[in-house]
Amino acid sequence: MGSRKKQMAEAIKAEKKQVAFAKLNNSPTSPRKMRLVADLVRGEKAEKALQILRFSPKEASRRLEKLVMSAIANWQAKNEDADVEEANLFIKEIRVDGGSMLKRLRPAPQGRAHRIRKRSNHVTVVIDSLNKTQS
């Protein structure tokens, strides 16, 4: 490997060390309901996001709170020497994508049937540190 390529690879590796993520797959909530909660915390600092989620009355906020805690724990595992309070963690990205759908039939009048779609979603949370000068 050339020296320039090696330097670039090390720079990318150092940049990725600041970023941690967590995923929640097949959460049994519709993506639309989960996006309402995700929009509340997008771009917020991690501590403030946890407070917002803790006091939100929506069911999706409980799952999202656990996911943010998991992302913070993943960041701590990557950066064992760093302190969470000093790192100024914030939610860099939060994505809610549609998951698999359970399709059910409900009886309707005159011998017909209506399809019920029980939706699920996939959530990805990316947490980043504001302190970029750490090595």
Protein backbone atom coordinates (compact mmCIF):
# COMPACT_ATOMS: atom_id res chain seq x y z
CA MET A 1 0.00 0.00 0.00
CA GLY A 2 1.36 3.42 -0.95
CA SER A 3 2.07 6.04 1.68
CA ARG A 4 -0.65 8.41 0.46
CA LYS A 5 -3.24 5.64 0.44
CA LYS A 6 -2.15 4.55 3.91
CA GLN A 7 -2.45 8.10 5.26
CA MET A 8 -5.92 8.43 3.79
CA ALA A 9 -6.99 5.09 5.27
CA GLU A 10 -5.71 6.16 8.71
CA ALA A 11 -7.55 9.50 8.42
CA ILE A 12 -10.81 7.71 7.55
CA LYS A 13 -10.29 5.27 10.42
CA ALA A 14 -9.69 8.12 12.89
CA GLU A 15 -12.84 9.87 11.63
CA LYS A 16 -14.93 6.72 12.02
CA LYS A 17 -13.69 6.30 15.59
CA GLN A 18 -15.74 9.33 16.60
CA VAL A 19 -18.93 7.89 15.08
CA ALA A 20 -21.01 5.07 16.57
CA PHE A 21 -24.35 3.70 15.51
CA ALA A 22 -27.12 1.39 16.66
CA LYS A 23 -29.87 -0.31 14.68
CA LEU A 24 -33.30 -1.54 15.63
CA ASN A 25 -34.85 -3.89 13.09
CA ASN A 26 -38.49 -4.97 12.78
CA SER A 27 -39.86 -2.73 15.49
CA PRO A 28 -43.62 -3.37 15.58
CA THR A 29 -44.60 0.29 15.18
CA SER A 30 -45.60 1.95 11.96
CA PRO A 31 -42.82 4.04 10.40
CA ARG A 32 -45.03 7.12 10.38
CA LYS A 33 -45.49 7.01 14.16
CA MET A 34 -41.79 6.36 14.74
CA ARG A 35 -40.78 9.28 12.47
CA LEU A 36 -42.84 11.67 14.61
CA VAL A 37 -40.68 10.78 17.62
CA ALA A 38 -37.43 10.63 15.63
CA ASP A 39 -37.97 14.17 14.35
CA LEU A 40 -38.05 15.42 17.96
CA VAL A 41 -34.47 14.34 18.68
CA ARG A 42 -32.73 14.66 15.31
CA GLY A 43 -29.63 16.86 15.68
CA GLU A 44 -29.98 17.22 19.47
CA LYS A 45 -27.26 16.52 22.01
CA ALA A 46 -27.44 13.00 23.41
CA GLU A 47 -28.35 14.01 26.98
CA LYS A 48 -31.10 16.35 25.81
CA ALA A 49 -32.43 13.71 23.41
CA LEU A 50 -32.68 11.18 26.24
CA GLN A 51 -34.62 13.67 28.36
CA ILE A 52 -37.01 14.43 25.49
CA LEU A 53 -37.61 10.73 24.88
CA ARG A 54 -38.04 9.92 28.57
CA PHE A 55 -40.87 12.43 28.98
CA SER A 56 -42.57 11.86 25.65
CA PRO A 57 -45.93 10.07 26.05
CA LYS A 58 -45.62 8.11 22.80
CA GLU A 59 -44.90 4.37 22.84
CA ALA A 60 -42.25 4.73 20.12
CA SER A 61 -40.20 6.99 22.39
CA ARG A 62 -39.46 4.08 24.78
CA ARG A 63 -37.92 2.03 21.99
CA LEU A 64 -36.00 4.99 20.63
CA GLU A 65 -34.67 5.83 24.08
CA LYS A 66 -33.20 2.34 24.43
CA LEU A 67 -31.71 2.65 20.95
CA VAL A 68 -29.99 5.96 21.75
CA MET A 69 -28.63 4.44 24.98
CA SER A 70 -27.27 1.54 22.93
CA ALA A 71 -25.59 3.92 20.47
CA ILE A 72 -23.96 5.78 23.38
CA ALA A 73 -22.73 2.46 24.79
CA ASN A 74 -21.34 1.55 21.36
CA TRP A 75 -19.50 4.88 21.27
CA GLN A 76 -18.05 4.19 24.71
CA ALA A 77 -16.86 0.76 23.56
CA LYS A 78 -15.03 2.37 20.63
CA ASN A 79 -13.55 5.19 22.73
CA GLU A 80 -12.67 3.58 26.05
CA ASP A 81 -10.31 6.34 27.13
CA ALA A 82 -12.74 9.21 26.40
CA ASP A 83 -15.40 10.58 28.74
CA VAL A 84 -19.01 10.78 27.54
CA GLU A 85 -19.75 14.14 29.19
CA GLU A 86 -16.64 15.79 27.73
CA ALA A 87 -17.21 14.34 24.25
CA ASN A 88 -20.41 16.36 23.60
CA LEU A 89 -22.20 13.53 21.82
CA PHE A 90 -25.03 14.46 19.50
CA ILE A 91 -27.39 12.59 17.20
CA LYS A 92 -25.85 13.07 13.79
CA GLU A 93 -28.35 11.01 11.85
CA ILE A 94 -31.53 9.11 12.59
CA ARG A 95 -33.26 7.12 9.85
CA VAL A 96 -36.62 5.38 10.01
CA ASP A 97 -37.24 2.99 7.13
CA GLY A 98 -40.22 0.75 6.51
CA GLY A 99 -39.82 -2.87 7.51
CA SER A 100 -41.75 -6.00 6.68
CA MET A 101 -45.54 -5.97 6.69
CA LEU A 102 -47.80 -8.59 8.20
CA LYS A 103 -50.83 -8.90 5.97
CA ARG A 104 -54.11 -9.96 7.54
CA LEU A 105 -57.70 -10.16 6.30
CA ARG A 106 -60.67 -8.72 8.14
CA PRO A 107 -64.20 -9.74 7.22
CA ALA A 108 -66.21 -7.02 5.54
CA PRO A 109 -69.92 -6.77 4.63
CA GLN A 110 -71.45 -8.82 1.81
CA GLY A 111 -68.81 -11.54 1.85
CA ARG A 112 -65.90 -9.29 1.06
CA ALA A 113 -62.59 -8.98 2.92
CA HIS A 114 -60.45 -5.94 3.73
CA ARG A 115 -56.69 -6.27 3.96
CA ILE A 116 -55.03 -5.09 7.16
CA ARG A 117 -51.36 -4.19 6.92
CA LYS A 118 -49.49 -4.39 10.24
CA ARG A 119 -46.42 -2.31 9.56
CA SER A 120 -42.98 -2.45 11.14
CA ASN A 121 -39.88 -0.31 10.78
CA HIS A 122 -36.10 -0.24 10.91
CA VAL A 123 -34.41 2.58 12.85
CA THR A 124 -30.74 3.57 12.57
CA VAL A 125 -29.20 6.07 14.98
CA VAL A 126 -25.74 7.56 14.32
CA ILE A 127 -24.04 9.36 17.20
CA ASP A 128 -21.05 11.63 16.68
CA SER A 129 -18.76 13.63 18.94
CA LEU A 130 -18.38 17.39 18.66
CA ASN A 131 -14.76 17.17 19.87
CA LYS A 132 -12.85 16.40 16.67
CA THR A 133 -9.41 17.14 18.13
CA GLN A 134 -9.08 13.89 20.10
CA SER A 135 -6.49 11.40 18.92
